[in-house]
Amino acid sequence: MLLAAACVLPAAPALADLALATSKNCMSCHNIDKKVVGPAYKDVAAKYKGDKAAAARLATKIMEGGGGVWGVVKMPSNPQVNEAEAKKLAAWVLSQ
């Protein structure tokens, strides 16, 4: 029974990264599997699959904001997110 539960629950690092995204207010505009204000993280991961430069670009966009890729609503800058956190969040989003 314990083995079945281990297969259903996300790994600890995934939970930690979800907690980071929640603490930095990312989940106010995004969701893992459905569009809210911004795109679903799974859609972002699919769009950039195989793009080696995507993590760096997304980390910058997380910190500085941006627009034009997913529609007319611009993503605001997030000064509460430092560079290390932005890189961790970008990697997590791309892993979805």
PDB file of N, CA and C in Angstrom:
ATOM      1  N   MET A   1       0.825  -1.184   0.000  1.00  0.00           N
ATOM      2  CA  MET A   1       0.000   0.000   0.000  1.00  0.00           C
ATOM      3  C   MET A   1       0.867   1.246   0.000  1.00  0.00           C
ATOM      4  N   LEU A   2       1.946   1.237   0.730  1.00  0.00           N
ATOM      5  CA  LEU A   2       2.858   2.370   0.778  1.00  0.00           C
ATOM      6  C   LEU A   2       3.458   2.644  -0.597  1.00  0.00           C
ATOM      7  N   LEU A   3       3.767   1.621  -1.345  1.00  0.00           N
ATOM      8  CA  LEU A   3       4.332   1.775  -2.679  1.00  0.00           C
ATOM      9  C   LEU A   3       3.355   2.505  -3.590  1.00  0.00           C
ATOM     10  N   ALA A   4       2.082   2.205  -3.525  1.00  0.00           N
ATOM     11  CA  ALA A   4       1.083   2.880  -4.350  1.00  0.00           C
ATOM     12  C   ALA A   4       1.025   4.366  -4.023  1.00  0.00           C
ATOM     13  N   ALA A   5       1.113   4.715  -2.764  1.00  0.00           N
ATOM     14  CA  ALA A   5       1.078   6.124  -2.376  1.00  0.00           C
ATOM     15  C   ALA A   5       2.302   6.851  -2.906  1.00  0.00           C
ATOM     16  N   ALA A   6       3.447   6.194  -2.902  1.00  0.00           N
ATOM     17  CA  ALA A   6       4.667   6.819  -3.404  1.00  0.00           C
ATOM     18  C   ALA A   6       4.569   7.124  -4.889  1.00  0.00           C
ATOM     19  N   CYS A   7       3.828   6.330  -5.631  1.00  0.00           N
ATOM     20  CA  CYS A   7       3.674   6.547  -7.067  1.00  0.00           C
ATOM     21  C   CYS A   7       2.727   7.712  -7.371  1.00  0.00           C
ATOM     22  N   VAL A   8       1.852   8.053  -6.466  1.00  0.00           N
ATOM     23  CA  VAL A   8       0.863   9.094  -6.695  1.00  0.00           C
ATOM     24  C   VAL A   8       1.369  10.456  -6.251  1.00  0.00           C
ATOM     25  N   LEU A   9       2.121  10.516  -5.172  1.00  0.00           N
ATOM     26  CA  LEU A   9       2.582  11.777  -4.622  1.00  0.00           C
ATOM     27  C   LEU A   9       3.767  12.331  -5.410  1.00  0.00           C
ATOM     28  N   PRO A  10       3.822  13.646  -5.629  1.00  0.00           N
ATOM     29  CA  PRO A  10       4.978  14.238  -6.286  1.00  0.00           C
ATOM     30  C   PRO A  10       6.216  14.096  -5.415  1.00  0.00           C
ATOM     31  N   ALA A  11       7.370  14.123  -6.040  1.00  0.00           N
ATOM     32  CA  ALA A  11       8.624  14.043  -5.297  1.00  0.00           C
ATOM     33  C   ALA A  11       8.793  15.289  -4.442  1.00  0.00           C
ATOM     34  N   ALA A  12       9.571  15.156  -3.383  1.00  0.00           N
ATOM     35  CA  ALA A  12       9.781  16.273  -2.459  1.00  0.00           C
ATOM     36  C   ALA A  12      10.279  17.545  -3.150  1.00  0.00           C
ATOM     37  N   PRO A  13      11.253  17.462  -4.094  1.00  0.00           N
ATOM     38  CA  PRO A  13      11.676  18.694  -4.763  1.00  0.00           C
ATOM     39  C   PRO A  13      10.534  19.362  -5.541  1.00  0.00           C
ATOM     40  N   ALA A  14       9.661  18.585  -6.140  1.00  0.00           N
ATOM     41  CA  ALA A  14       8.526  19.166  -6.867  1.00  0.00           C
ATOM     42  C   ALA A  14       7.602  19.904  -5.909  1.00  0.00           C
ATOM     43  N   LEU A  15       7.383  19.343  -4.740  1.00  0.00           N
ATOM     44  CA  LEU A  15       6.555  20.016  -3.736  1.00  0.00           C
ATOM     45  C   LEU A  15       7.232  21.292  -3.237  1.00  0.00           C
ATOM     46  N   ALA A  16       8.553  21.239  -3.073  1.00  0.00           N
ATOM     47  CA  ALA A  16       9.286  22.424  -2.623  1.00  0.00           C
ATOM     48  C   ALA A  16       9.198  23.528  -3.662  1.00  0.00           C
ATOM     49  N   ASP A  17       9.302  23.176  -4.939  1.00  0.00           N
ATOM     50  CA  ASP A  17       9.225  24.174  -6.002  1.00  0.00           C
ATOM     51  C   ASP A  17       7.809  24.716  -6.141  1.00  0.00           C
ATOM     52  N   LEU A  18       6.811  23.894  -5.914  1.00  0.00           N
ATOM     53  CA  LEU A  18       5.427  24.376  -5.892  1.00  0.00           C
ATOM     54  C   LEU A  18       5.251  25.348  -4.728  1.00  0.00           C
ATOM     55  N   ALA A  19       5.848  25.035  -3.599  1.00  0.00           N
ATOM     56  CA  ALA A  19       5.774  25.936  -2.447  1.00  0.00           C
ATOM     57  C   ALA A  19       6.458  27.266  -2.753  1.00  0.00           C
ATOM     58  N   LEU A  20       7.590  27.216  -3.469  1.00  0.00           N
ATOM     59  CA  LEU A  20       8.280  28.447  -3.863  1.00  0.00           C
ATOM     60  C   LEU A  20       7.394  29.262  -4.801  1.00  0.00           C
ATOM     61  N   ALA A  21       6.802  28.614  -5.793  1.00  0.00           N
ATOM     62  CA  ALA A  21       5.909  29.311  -6.726  1.00  0.00           C
ATOM     63  C   ALA A  21       4.723  29.930  -5.993  1.00  0.00           C
ATOM     64  N   THR A  22       4.212  29.228  -5.023  1.00  0.00           N
ATOM     65  CA  THR A  22       3.087  29.745  -4.239  1.00  0.00           C
ATOM     66  C   THR A  22       3.532  30.933  -3.387  1.00  0.00           C
ATOM     67  N   SER A  23       4.682  30.819  -2.753  1.00  0.00           N
ATOM     68  CA  SER A  23       5.165  31.892  -1.872  1.00  0.00           C
ATOM     69  C   SER A  23       5.534  33.158  -2.646  1.00  0.00           C
ATOM     70  N   LYS A  24       5.861  33.031  -3.918  1.00  0.00           N
ATOM     71  CA  LYS A  24       6.237  34.183  -4.737  1.00  0.00           C
ATOM     72  C   LYS A  24       5.055  34.708  -5.553  1.00  0.00           C
ATOM     73  N   ASN A  25       3.870  34.219  -5.264  1.00  0.00           N
ATOM     74  CA  ASN A  25       2.609  34.649  -5.898  1.00  0.00           C
ATOM     75  C   ASN A  25       2.453  34.228  -7.355  1.00  0.00           C
ATOM     76  N   CYS A  26       3.263  33.306  -7.823  1.00  0.00           N
ATOM     77  CA  CYS A  26       3.145  32.830  -9.205  1.00  0.00           C
ATOM     78  C   CYS A  26       1.802  32.144  -9.445  1.00  0.00           C
ATOM     79  N   MET A  27       1.325  31.437  -8.416  1.00  0.00           N
ATOM     80  CA  MET A  27       0.101  30.656  -8.569  1.00  0.00           C
ATOM     81  C   MET A  27      -1.150  31.544  -8.582  1.00  0.00           C
ATOM     82  N   SER A  28      -0.982  32.837  -8.355  1.00  0.00           N
ATOM     83  CA  SER A  28      -2.116  33.752  -8.464  1.00  0.00           C
ATOM     84  C   SER A  28      -2.541  33.918  -9.920  1.00  0.00           C
ATOM     85  N   CYS A  29      -1.590  33.807 -10.830  1.00  0.00           N
ATOM     86  CA  CYS A  29      -1.875  34.006 -12.258  1.00  0.00           C
ATOM     87  C   CYS A  29      -1.670  32.752 -13.095  1.00  0.00           C
ATOM     88  N   HIS A  30      -1.047  31.739 -12.533  1.00  0.00           N
ATOM     89  CA  HIS A  30      -0.753  30.508 -13.270  1.00  0.00           C
ATOM     90  C   HIS A  30      -1.254  29.296 -12.496  1.00  0.00           C
ATOM     91  N   ASN A  31      -1.428  28.197 -13.221  1.00  0.00           N
ATOM     92  CA  ASN A  31      -1.786  26.910 -12.643  1.00  0.00           C
ATOM     93  C   ASN A  31      -0.952  25.879 -13.371  1.00  0.00           C
ATOM     94  N   ILE A  32      -0.779  24.732 -12.797  1.00  0.00           N
ATOM     95  CA  ILE A  32       0.031  23.705 -13.444  1.00  0.00           C
ATOM     96  C   ILE A  32      -0.615  23.220 -14.732  1.00  0.00           C
ATOM     97  N   ASP A  33      -1.918  22.960 -14.713  1.00  0.00           N
ATOM     98  CA  ASP A  33      -2.525  22.325 -15.877  1.00  0.00           C
ATOM     99  C   ASP A  33      -3.707  23.057 -16.501  1.00  0.00           C
ATOM    100  N   LYS A  34      -3.961  24.318 -16.083  1.00  0.00           N
ATOM    101  CA  LYS A  34      -5.023  25.079 -16.748  1.00  0.00           C
ATOM    102  C   LYS A  34      -4.663  26.558 -16.779  1.00  0.00           C
ATOM    103  N   LYS A  35      -5.115  27.234 -17.816  1.00  0.00           N
ATOM    104  CA  LYS A  35      -4.869  28.663 -17.966  1.00  0.00           C
ATOM    105  C   LYS A  35      -5.652  29.425 -16.900  1.00  0.00           C
ATOM    106  N   VAL A  36      -5.016  30.414 -16.298  1.00  0.00           N
ATOM    107  CA  VAL A  36      -5.688  31.316 -15.362  1.00  0.00           C
ATOM    108  C   VAL A  36      -5.599  32.684 -16.029  1.00  0.00           C
ATOM    109  N   VAL A  37      -4.782  33.594 -15.532  1.00  0.00           N
ATOM    110  CA  VAL A  37      -4.488  34.841 -16.235  1.00  0.00           C
ATOM    111  C   VAL A  37      -3.395  34.564 -17.257  1.00  0.00           C
ATOM    112  N   GLY A  38      -2.383  33.847 -16.814  1.00  0.00           N
ATOM    113  CA  GLY A  38      -1.290  33.440 -17.685  1.00  0.00           C
ATOM    114  C   GLY A  38      -1.454  31.980 -18.071  1.00  0.00           C
ATOM    115  N   PRO A  39      -0.569  31.493 -18.913  1.00  0.00           N
ATOM    116  CA  PRO A  39      -0.681  30.117 -19.405  1.00  0.00           C
ATOM    117  C   PRO A  39      -0.437  29.079 -18.315  1.00  0.00           C
ATOM    118  N   ALA A  40      -0.957  27.886 -18.550  1.00  0.00           N
ATOM    119  CA  ALA A  40      -0.677  26.754 -17.666  1.00  0.00           C
ATOM    120  C   ALA A  40       0.800  26.398 -17.791  1.00  0.00           C
ATOM    121  N   TYR A  41       1.392  25.988 -16.695  1.00  0.00           N
ATOM    122  CA  TYR A  41       2.806  25.625 -16.732  1.00  0.00           C
ATOM    123  C   TYR A  41       3.067  24.458 -17.677  1.00  0.00           C
ATOM    124  N   LYS A  42       2.131  23.534 -17.788  1.00  0.00           N
ATOM    125  CA  LYS A  42       2.309  22.419 -18.725  1.00  0.00           C
ATOM    126  C   LYS A  42       2.354  22.927 -20.165  1.00  0.00           C
ATOM    127  N   ASP A  43       1.589  23.977 -20.468  1.00  0.00           N
ATOM    128  CA  ASP A  43       1.616  24.562 -21.807  1.00  0.00           C
ATOM    129  C   ASP A  43       2.949  25.262 -22.072  1.00  0.00           C
ATOM    130  N   VAL A  44       3.472  25.925 -21.063  1.00  0.00           N
ATOM    131  CA  VAL A  44       4.779  26.577 -21.201  1.00  0.00           C
ATOM    132  C   VAL A  44       5.846  25.517 -21.456  1.00  0.00           C
ATOM    133  N   ALA A  45       5.820  24.446 -20.670  1.00  0.00           N
ATOM    134  CA  ALA A  45       6.799  23.372 -20.834  1.00  0.00           C
ATOM    135  C   ALA A  45       6.708  22.756 -22.232  1.00  0.00           C
ATOM    136  N   ALA A  46       5.499  22.551 -22.727  1.00  0.00           N
ATOM    137  CA  ALA A  46       5.321  21.973 -24.063  1.00  0.00           C
ATOM    138  C   ALA A  46       5.843  22.911 -25.152  1.00  0.00           C
ATOM    139  N   LYS A  47       5.570  24.202 -25.003  1.00  0.00           N
ATOM    140  CA  LYS A  47       6.001  25.188 -25.998  1.00  0.00           C
ATOM    141  C   LYS A  47       7.528  25.226 -26.124  1.00  0.00           C
ATOM    142  N   TYR A  48       8.215  25.119 -24.998  1.00  0.00           N
ATOM    143  CA  TYR A  48       9.666  25.267 -25.004  1.00  0.00           C
ATOM    144  C   TYR A  48      10.425  23.943 -24.923  1.00  0.00           C
ATOM    145  N   LYS A  49       9.726  22.836 -25.082  1.00  0.00           N
ATOM    146  CA  LYS A  49      10.375  21.519 -25.020  1.00  0.00           C
ATOM    147  C   LYS A  49      11.512  21.453 -26.038  1.00  0.00           C
ATOM    148  N   GLY A  50      12.668  21.066 -25.564  1.00  0.00           N
ATOM    149  CA  GLY A  50      13.830  20.923 -26.431  1.00  0.00           C
ATOM    150  C   GLY A  50      14.597  22.219 -26.678  1.00  0.00           C
ATOM    151  N   ASP A  51      14.108  23.336 -26.191  1.00  0.00           N
ATOM    152  CA  ASP A  51      14.778  24.628 -26.361  1.00  0.00           C
ATOM    153  C   ASP A  51      15.784  24.801 -25.234  1.00  0.00           C
ATOM    154  N   LYS A  52      17.047  24.675 -25.545  1.00  0.00           N
ATOM    155  CA  LYS A  52      18.108  24.722 -24.521  1.00  0.00           C
ATOM    156  C   LYS A  52      18.224  26.089 -23.850  1.00  0.00           C
ATOM    157  N   ALA A  53      17.813  27.142 -24.524  1.00  0.00           N
ATOM    158  CA  ALA A  53      17.930  28.493 -23.971  1.00  0.00           C
ATOM    159  C   ALA A  53      16.682  28.925 -23.197  1.00  0.00           C
ATOM    160  N   ALA A  54      15.659  28.092 -23.186  1.00  0.00           N
ATOM    161  CA  ALA A  54      14.376  28.477 -22.584  1.00  0.00           C
ATOM    162  C   ALA A  54      14.487  28.777 -21.094  1.00  0.00           C
ATOM    163  N   ALA A  55      15.231  27.988 -20.344  1.00  0.00           N
ATOM    164  CA  ALA A  55      15.307  28.186 -18.890  1.00  0.00           C
ATOM    165  C   ALA A  55      15.865  29.569 -18.554  1.00  0.00           C
ATOM    166  N   ALA A  56      16.894  29.984 -19.240  1.00  0.00           N
ATOM    167  CA  ALA A  56      17.486  31.301 -18.982  1.00  0.00           C
ATOM    168  C   ALA A  56      16.520  32.415 -19.369  1.00  0.00           C
ATOM    169  N   ARG A  57      15.850  32.279 -20.503  1.00  0.00           N
ATOM    170  CA  ARG A  57      14.884  33.302 -20.937  1.00  0.00           C
ATOM    171  C   ARG A  57      13.709  33.390 -19.973  1.00  0.00           C
ATOM    172  N   LEU A  58      13.215  32.233 -19.535  1.00  0.00           N
ATOM    173  CA  LEU A  58      12.088  32.242 -18.602  1.00  0.00           C
ATOM    174  C   LEU A  58      12.489  32.820 -17.244  1.00  0.00           C
ATOM    175  N   ALA A  59      13.684  32.519 -16.781  1.00  0.00           N
ATOM    176  CA  ALA A  59      14.144  33.069 -15.506  1.00  0.00           C
ATOM    177  C   ALA A  59      14.177  34.598 -15.580  1.00  0.00           C
ATOM    178  N   THR A  60      14.665  35.124 -16.686  1.00  0.00           N
ATOM    179  CA  THR A  60      14.684  36.579 -16.872  1.00  0.00           C
ATOM    180  C   THR A  60      13.275  37.132 -16.914  1.00  0.00           C
ATOM    181  N   LYS A  61      12.383  36.454 -17.630  1.00  0.00           N
ATOM    182  CA  LYS A  61      11.002  36.918 -17.729  1.00  0.00           C
ATOM    183  C   LYS A  61      10.298  36.860 -16.375  1.00  0.00           C
ATOM    184  N   ILE A  62      10.615  35.857 -15.566  1.00  0.00           N
ATOM    185  CA  ILE A  62      10.032  35.756 -14.224  1.00  0.00           C
ATOM    186  C   ILE A  62      10.409  36.993 -13.408  1.00  0.00           C
ATOM    187  N   MET A  63      11.660  37.415 -13.506  1.00  0.00           N
ATOM    188  CA  MET A  63      12.115  38.569 -12.714  1.00  0.00           C
ATOM    189  C   MET A  63      11.657  39.899 -13.314  1.00  0.00           C
ATOM    190  N   GLU A  64      11.784  40.040 -14.635  1.00  0.00           N
ATOM    191  CA  GLU A  64      11.560  41.333 -15.282  1.00  0.00           C
ATOM    192  C   GLU A  64      10.167  41.514 -15.870  1.00  0.00           C
ATOM    193  N   GLY A  65       9.421  40.430 -16.022  1.00  0.00           N
ATOM    194  CA  GLY A  65       8.120  40.491 -16.671  1.00  0.00           C
ATOM    195  C   GLY A  65       8.280  40.418 -18.180  1.00  0.00           C
ATOM    196  N   GLY A  66       7.175  40.476 -18.878  1.00  0.00           N
ATOM    197  CA  GLY A  66       7.237  40.415 -20.334  1.00  0.00           C
ATOM    198  C   GLY A  66       5.859  40.239 -20.922  1.00  0.00           C
ATOM    199  N   GLY A  67       5.807  40.157 -22.216  1.00  0.00           N
ATOM    200  CA  GLY A  67       4.522  39.994 -22.881  1.00  0.00           C
ATOM    201  C   GLY A  67       4.687  39.677 -24.346  1.00  0.00           C
ATOM    202  N   GLY A  68       3.548  39.419 -24.973  1.00  0.00           N
ATOM    203  CA  GLY A  68       3.537  39.176 -26.403  1.00  0.00           C
ATOM    204  C   GLY A  68       3.614  37.728 -26.821  1.00  0.00           C
ATOM    205  N   VAL A  69       3.946  36.836 -25.911  1.00  0.00           N
ATOM    206  CA  VAL A  69       4.081  35.423 -26.267  1.00  0.00           C
ATOM    207  C   VAL A  69       2.762  34.676 -26.087  1.00  0.00           C
ATOM    208  N   TRP A  70       2.014  35.013 -25.050  1.00  0.00           N
ATOM    209  CA  TRP A  70       0.804  34.278 -24.695  1.00  0.00           C
ATOM    210  C   TRP A  70      -0.466  35.124 -24.810  1.00  0.00           C
ATOM    211  N   GLY A  71      -0.387  36.248 -25.448  1.00  0.00           N
ATOM    212  CA  GLY A  71      -1.557  37.093 -25.588  1.00  0.00           C
ATOM    213  C   GLY A  71      -1.265  38.524 -25.177  1.00  0.00           C
ATOM    214  N   VAL A  72      -2.317  39.291 -24.990  1.00  0.00           N
ATOM    215  CA  VAL A  72      -2.154  40.721 -24.730  1.00  0.00           C
ATOM    216  C   VAL A  72      -1.866  41.058 -23.270  1.00  0.00           C
ATOM    217  N   VAL A  73      -2.186  40.182 -22.338  1.00  0.00           N
ATOM    218  CA  VAL A  73      -1.936  40.455 -20.923  1.00  0.00           C
ATOM    219  C   VAL A  73      -0.447  40.260 -20.647  1.00  0.00           C
ATOM    220  N   LYS A  74       0.184  41.307 -20.148  1.00  0.00           N
ATOM    221  CA  LYS A  74       1.614  41.246 -19.858  1.00  0.00           C
ATOM    222  C   LYS A  74       1.854  40.697 -18.460  1.00  0.00           C
ATOM    223  N   MET A  75       2.914  39.934 -18.349  1.00  0.00           N
ATOM    224  CA  MET A  75       3.326  39.430 -17.042  1.00  0.00           C
ATOM    225  C   MET A  75       4.106  40.544 -16.341  1.00  0.00           C
ATOM    226  N   PRO A  76       3.711  40.881 -15.119  1.00  0.00           N
ATOM    227  CA  PRO A  76       4.426  41.944 -14.403  1.00  0.00           C
ATOM    228  C   PRO A  76       5.794  41.473 -13.926  1.00  0.00           C
ATOM    229  N   SER A  77       6.656  42.419 -13.629  1.00  0.00           N
ATOM    230  CA  SER A  77       7.945  42.064 -13.033  1.00  0.00           C
ATOM    231  C   SER A  77       7.706  41.532 -11.625  1.00  0.00           C
ATOM    232  N   ASN A  78       8.644  40.762 -11.145  1.00  0.00           N
ATOM    233  CA  ASN A  78       8.544  40.151  -9.816  1.00  0.00           C
ATOM    234  C   ASN A  78       9.811  40.452  -9.025  1.00  0.00           C
ATOM    235  N   PRO A  79       9.922  41.670  -8.495  1.00  0.00           N
ATOM    236  CA  PRO A  79      11.144  42.045  -7.771  1.00  0.00           C
ATOM    237  C   PRO A  79      11.375  41.225  -6.507  1.00  0.00           C
ATOM    238  N   GLN A  80      10.356  40.527  -6.032  1.00  0.00           N
ATOM    239  CA  GLN A  80      10.506  39.681  -4.842  1.00  0.00           C
ATOM    240  C   GLN A  80      11.214  38.362  -5.155  1.00  0.00           C
ATOM    241  N   VAL A  81      11.466  38.097  -6.434  1.00  0.00           N
ATOM    242  CA  VAL A  81      12.129  36.860  -6.862  1.00  0.00           C
ATOM    243  C   VAL A  81      13.578  37.182  -7.225  1.00  0.00           C
ATOM    244  N   ASN A  82      14.519  36.541  -6.537  1.00  0.00           N
ATOM    245  CA  ASN A  82      15.926  36.765  -6.873  1.00  0.00           C
ATOM    246  C   ASN A  82      16.338  35.831  -8.012  1.00  0.00           C
ATOM    247  N   GLU A  83      17.551  36.000  -8.505  1.00  0.00           N
ATOM    248  CA  GLU A  83      18.005  35.240  -9.670  1.00  0.00           C
ATOM    249  C   GLU A  83      18.015  33.731  -9.419  1.00  0.00           C
ATOM    250  N   ALA A  84      18.492  33.300  -8.272  1.00  0.00           N
ATOM    251  CA  ALA A  84      18.538  31.866  -7.960  1.00  0.00           C
ATOM    252  C   ALA A  84      17.120  31.277  -7.916  1.00  0.00           C
ATOM    253  N   GLU A  85      16.196  32.013  -7.313  1.00  0.00           N
ATOM    254  CA  GLU A  85      14.806  31.550  -7.256  1.00  0.00           C
ATOM    255  C   GLU A  85      14.189  31.509  -8.648  1.00  0.00           C
ATOM    256  N   ALA A  86      14.483  32.512  -9.467  1.00  0.00           N
ATOM    257  CA  ALA A  86      13.944  32.551 -10.826  1.00  0.00           C
ATOM    258  C   ALA A  86      14.440  31.361 -11.648  1.00  0.00           C
ATOM    259  N   LYS A  87      15.697  31.021 -11.500  1.00  0.00           N
ATOM    260  CA  LYS A  87      16.249  29.861 -12.218  1.00  0.00           C
ATOM    261  C   LYS A  87      15.581  28.574 -11.744  1.00  0.00           C
ATOM    262  N   LYS A  88      15.375  28.462 -10.446  1.00  0.00           N
ATOM    263  CA  LYS A  88      14.726  27.270  -9.887  1.00  0.00           C
ATOM    264  C   LYS A  88      13.281  27.177 -10.379  1.00  0.00           C
ATOM    265  N   LEU A  89      12.568  28.307 -10.381  1.00  0.00           N
ATOM    266  CA  LEU A  89      11.183  28.322 -10.863  1.00  0.00           C
ATOM    267  C   LEU A  89      11.109  27.995 -12.347  1.00  0.00           C
ATOM    268  N   ALA A  90      12.013  28.548 -13.142  1.00  0.00           N
ATOM    269  CA  ALA A  90      12.012  28.280 -14.578  1.00  0.00           C
ATOM    270  C   ALA A  90      12.249  26.793 -14.851  1.00  0.00           C
ATOM    271  N   ALA A  91      13.193  26.204 -14.163  1.00  0.00           N
ATOM    272  CA  ALA A  91      13.461  24.769 -14.332  1.00  0.00           C
ATOM    273  C   ALA A  91      12.250  23.942 -13.935  1.00  0.00           C
ATOM    274  N   TRP A  92      11.599  24.331 -12.853  1.00  0.00           N
ATOM    275  CA  TRP A  92      10.414  23.609 -12.407  1.00  0.00           C
ATOM    276  C   TRP A  92       9.271  23.725 -13.419  1.00  0.00           C
ATOM    277  N   VAL A  93       9.033  24.924 -13.920  1.00  0.00           N
ATOM    278  CA  VAL A  93       7.977  25.110 -14.932  1.00  0.00           C
ATOM    279  C   VAL A  93       8.267  24.249 -16.149  1.00  0.00           C
ATOM    280  N   LEU A  94       9.494  24.235 -16.605  1.00  0.00           N
ATOM    281  CA  LEU A  94       9.858  23.460 -17.796  1.00  0.00           C
ATOM    282  C   LEU A  94       9.799  21.953 -17.554  1.00  0.00           C
ATOM    283  N   SER A  95       9.781  21.535 -16.299  1.00  0.00           N
ATOM    284  CA  SER A  95       9.711  20.094 -15.986  1.00  0.00           C
ATOM    285  C   SER A  95       8.282  19.570 -15.954  1.00  0.00           C
ATOM    286  N   GLN A  96       7.310  20.441 -16.092  1.00  0.00           N
ATOM    287  CA  GLN A  96       5.915  20.032 -15.985  1.00  0.00           C
ATOM    288  C   GLN A  96       5.492  19.220 -17.197  1.00  0.00           C
TER     289      GLN A  96
END
